[in-house]
Amino acid sequence: MSVVNMDSILPFLEGDKIFDLDLSNLLTLLSQPSLIKSSDKTQLNSLCGKVNNYLKSNNTRYRWIGTKLVTIICLHPEIIISNHTSIFLVNLIK
């Protein structure tokens, strides 16, 4: 099994590029603590920003994907204690 790092995932979290991946596989990867722990702060900020873009989208399908992504990444303490969590909550409520 090859090692996946955040740099290989981030390019797919932009608009329709996400449809190039199987969503369940992506969610499984993002649920792995080792992926989050091996990522630096810049990568985590980029991840959170890209997820937030899906949540803010006017496209219903993107918003649905954003809710799935935020549910998984907020399982990690590194994410849940960040400032991004409050932004996620605001965009989930909108």
C-alpha atoms as a PDB file:
ATOM      1  CA  MET A   1       0.000   0.000   0.000  1.00  0.00           C
ATOM      2  CA  SER A   2       1.416   3.364  -0.958  1.00  0.00           C
ATOM      3  CA  VAL A   3       1.628   6.217   1.493  1.00  0.00           C
ATOM      4  CA  VAL A   4      -0.709   9.097   0.764  1.00  0.00           C
ATOM      5  CA  ASN A   5       0.154  12.572   1.964  1.00  0.00           C
ATOM      6  CA  MET A   6      -1.870  15.762   2.070  1.00  0.00           C
ATOM      7  CA  ASP A   7      -0.090  17.209  -0.967  1.00  0.00           C
ATOM      8  CA  SER A   8      -1.536  14.416  -3.103  1.00  0.00           C
ATOM      9  CA  ILE A   9      -5.094  15.062  -1.860  1.00  0.00           C
ATOM     10  CA  LEU A  10      -5.313  18.864  -1.871  1.00  0.00           C
ATOM     11  CA  PRO A  11      -5.314  19.329  -5.677  1.00  0.00           C
ATOM     12  CA  PHE A  12      -8.510  17.266  -5.893  1.00  0.00           C
ATOM     13  CA  LEU A  13     -10.379  19.506  -3.445  1.00  0.00           C
ATOM     14  CA  GLU A  14     -11.143  22.198  -5.998  1.00  0.00           C
ATOM     15  CA  GLY A  15     -14.486  22.305  -7.744  1.00  0.00           C
ATOM     16  CA  ASP A  16     -15.235  19.409 -10.062  1.00  0.00           C
ATOM     17  CA  LYS A  17     -11.798  17.847  -9.555  1.00  0.00           C
ATOM     18  CA  ILE A  18     -13.256  16.108  -6.508  1.00  0.00           C
ATOM     19  CA  PHE A  19     -15.325  13.945  -8.846  1.00  0.00           C
ATOM     20  CA  ASP A  20     -12.084  12.404 -10.140  1.00  0.00           C
ATOM     21  CA  LEU A  21     -11.856  10.546  -6.821  1.00  0.00           C
ATOM     22  CA  ASP A  22     -14.143   8.069  -5.148  1.00  0.00           C
ATOM     23  CA  LEU A  23     -15.690  10.069  -2.299  1.00  0.00           C
ATOM     24  CA  SER A  24     -15.763   7.135   0.128  1.00  0.00           C
ATOM     25  CA  ASN A  25     -12.043   6.509  -0.437  1.00  0.00           C
ATOM     26  CA  LEU A  26     -11.294  10.199   0.065  1.00  0.00           C
ATOM     27  CA  LEU A  27     -13.270  10.268   3.308  1.00  0.00           C
ATOM     28  CA  THR A  28     -11.473   7.142   4.500  1.00  0.00           C
ATOM     29  CA  LEU A  29      -8.106   8.753   3.797  1.00  0.00           C
ATOM     30  CA  LEU A  30      -9.088  11.962   5.569  1.00  0.00           C
ATOM     31  CA  SER A  31     -10.261   9.988   8.598  1.00  0.00           C
ATOM     32  CA  GLN A  32      -6.782   8.557   9.177  1.00  0.00           C
ATOM     33  CA  PRO A  33      -5.021  10.285  12.073  1.00  0.00           C
ATOM     34  CA  SER A  34      -1.628   9.625  10.475  1.00  0.00           C
ATOM     35  CA  LEU A  35      -2.539  11.775   7.449  1.00  0.00           C
ATOM     36  CA  ILE A  36      -3.533  14.730   9.606  1.00  0.00           C
ATOM     37  CA  LYS A  37      -0.621  14.365  12.034  1.00  0.00           C
ATOM     38  CA  SER A  38       1.910  14.207   9.202  1.00  0.00           C
ATOM     39  CA  SER A  39       0.539  17.410   7.649  1.00  0.00           C
ATOM     40  CA  ASP A  40       1.973  20.793   8.473  1.00  0.00           C
ATOM     41  CA  LYS A  41      -0.084  23.814   9.508  1.00  0.00           C
ATOM     42  CA  THR A  42      -0.094  25.255   5.968  1.00  0.00           C
ATOM     43  CA  GLN A  43      -1.501  22.030   4.560  1.00  0.00           C
ATOM     44  CA  LEU A  44      -4.170  21.835   7.256  1.00  0.00           C
ATOM     45  CA  ASN A  45      -5.146  25.461   6.642  1.00  0.00           C
ATOM     46  CA  SER A  46      -5.392  24.722   2.930  1.00  0.00           C
ATOM     47  CA  LEU A  47      -7.513  21.632   3.610  1.00  0.00           C
ATOM     48  CA  CYS A  48      -9.872  23.587   5.846  1.00  0.00           C
ATOM     49  CA  GLY A  49     -10.111  26.443   3.349  1.00  0.00           C
ATOM     50  CA  LYS A  50     -10.965  24.081   0.501  1.00  0.00           C
ATOM     51  CA  VAL A  51     -13.588  22.283   2.593  1.00  0.00           C
ATOM     52  CA  ASN A  52     -15.042  25.649   3.554  1.00  0.00           C
ATOM     53  CA  ASN A  53     -15.292  26.591  -0.139  1.00  0.00           C
ATOM     54  CA  TYR A  54     -17.481  23.542  -0.697  1.00  0.00           C
ATOM     55  CA  LEU A  55     -19.651  24.514   2.281  1.00  0.00           C
ATOM     56  CA  LYS A  56     -20.098  28.099   0.995  1.00  0.00           C
ATOM     57  CA  SER A  57     -20.947  27.038  -2.543  1.00  0.00           C
ATOM     58  CA  ASN A  58     -24.319  27.799  -4.095  1.00  0.00           C
ATOM     59  CA  ASN A  59     -24.078  24.405  -5.805  1.00  0.00           C
ATOM     60  CA  THR A  60     -26.155  21.926  -3.771  1.00  0.00           C
ATOM     61  CA  ARG A  61     -23.917  19.020  -4.692  1.00  0.00           C
ATOM     62  CA  TYR A  62     -20.802  20.869  -3.525  1.00  0.00           C
ATOM     63  CA  ARG A  63     -22.477  21.800  -0.241  1.00  0.00           C
ATOM     64  CA  TRP A  64     -23.424  18.150   0.309  1.00  0.00           C
ATOM     65  CA  ILE A  65     -19.812  17.117  -0.305  1.00  0.00           C
ATOM     66  CA  GLY A  66     -18.659  19.866   2.051  1.00  0.00           C
ATOM     67  CA  THR A  67     -20.860  18.523   4.848  1.00  0.00           C
ATOM     68  CA  LYS A  68     -19.337  15.060   4.431  1.00  0.00           C
ATOM     69  CA  LEU A  69     -15.793  16.427   4.367  1.00  0.00           C
ATOM     70  CA  VAL A  70     -16.270  18.643   7.428  1.00  0.00           C
ATOM     71  CA  THR A  71     -17.841  15.780   9.378  1.00  0.00           C
ATOM     72  CA  ILE A  72     -14.754  13.638   8.792  1.00  0.00           C
ATOM     73  CA  ILE A  73     -12.025  16.224   9.281  1.00  0.00           C
ATOM     74  CA  CYS A  74     -13.593  17.486  12.506  1.00  0.00           C
ATOM     75  CA  LEU A  75     -12.948  14.055  14.011  1.00  0.00           C
ATOM     76  CA  HIS A  76      -9.334  15.153  14.445  1.00  0.00           C
ATOM     77  CA  PRO A  77      -8.345  17.231  17.493  1.00  0.00           C
ATOM     78  CA  GLU A  78      -5.944  19.272  15.348  1.00  0.00           C
ATOM     79  CA  ILE A  79      -8.894  20.504  13.302  1.00  0.00           C
ATOM     80  CA  ILE A  80     -11.608  20.743  15.930  1.00  0.00           C
ATOM     81  CA  ILE A  81      -9.533  23.052  18.162  1.00  0.00           C
ATOM     82  CA  SER A  82      -8.620  25.344  15.272  1.00  0.00           C
ATOM     83  CA  ASN A  83     -10.297  28.600  14.303  1.00  0.00           C
ATOM     84  CA  HIS A  84     -11.695  26.882  11.235  1.00  0.00           C
ATOM     85  CA  THR A  85     -14.318  25.031  13.274  1.00  0.00           C
ATOM     86  CA  SER A  86     -16.313  28.181  14.004  1.00  0.00           C
ATOM     87  CA  ILE A  87     -16.212  29.091  10.312  1.00  0.00           C
ATOM     88  CA  PHE A  88     -17.450  25.604   9.419  1.00  0.00           C
ATOM     89  CA  LEU A  89     -20.331  25.970  11.854  1.00  0.00           C
ATOM     90  CA  VAL A  90     -21.371  29.321  10.441  1.00  0.00           C
ATOM     91  CA  ASN A  91     -21.358  27.950   6.903  1.00  0.00           C
ATOM     92  CA  LEU A  92     -23.238  24.800   7.914  1.00  0.00           C
ATOM     93  CA  ILE A  93     -26.004  26.928   9.404  1.00  0.00           C
ATOM     94  CA  LYS A  94     -26.335  29.242   6.371  1.00  0.00           C
END
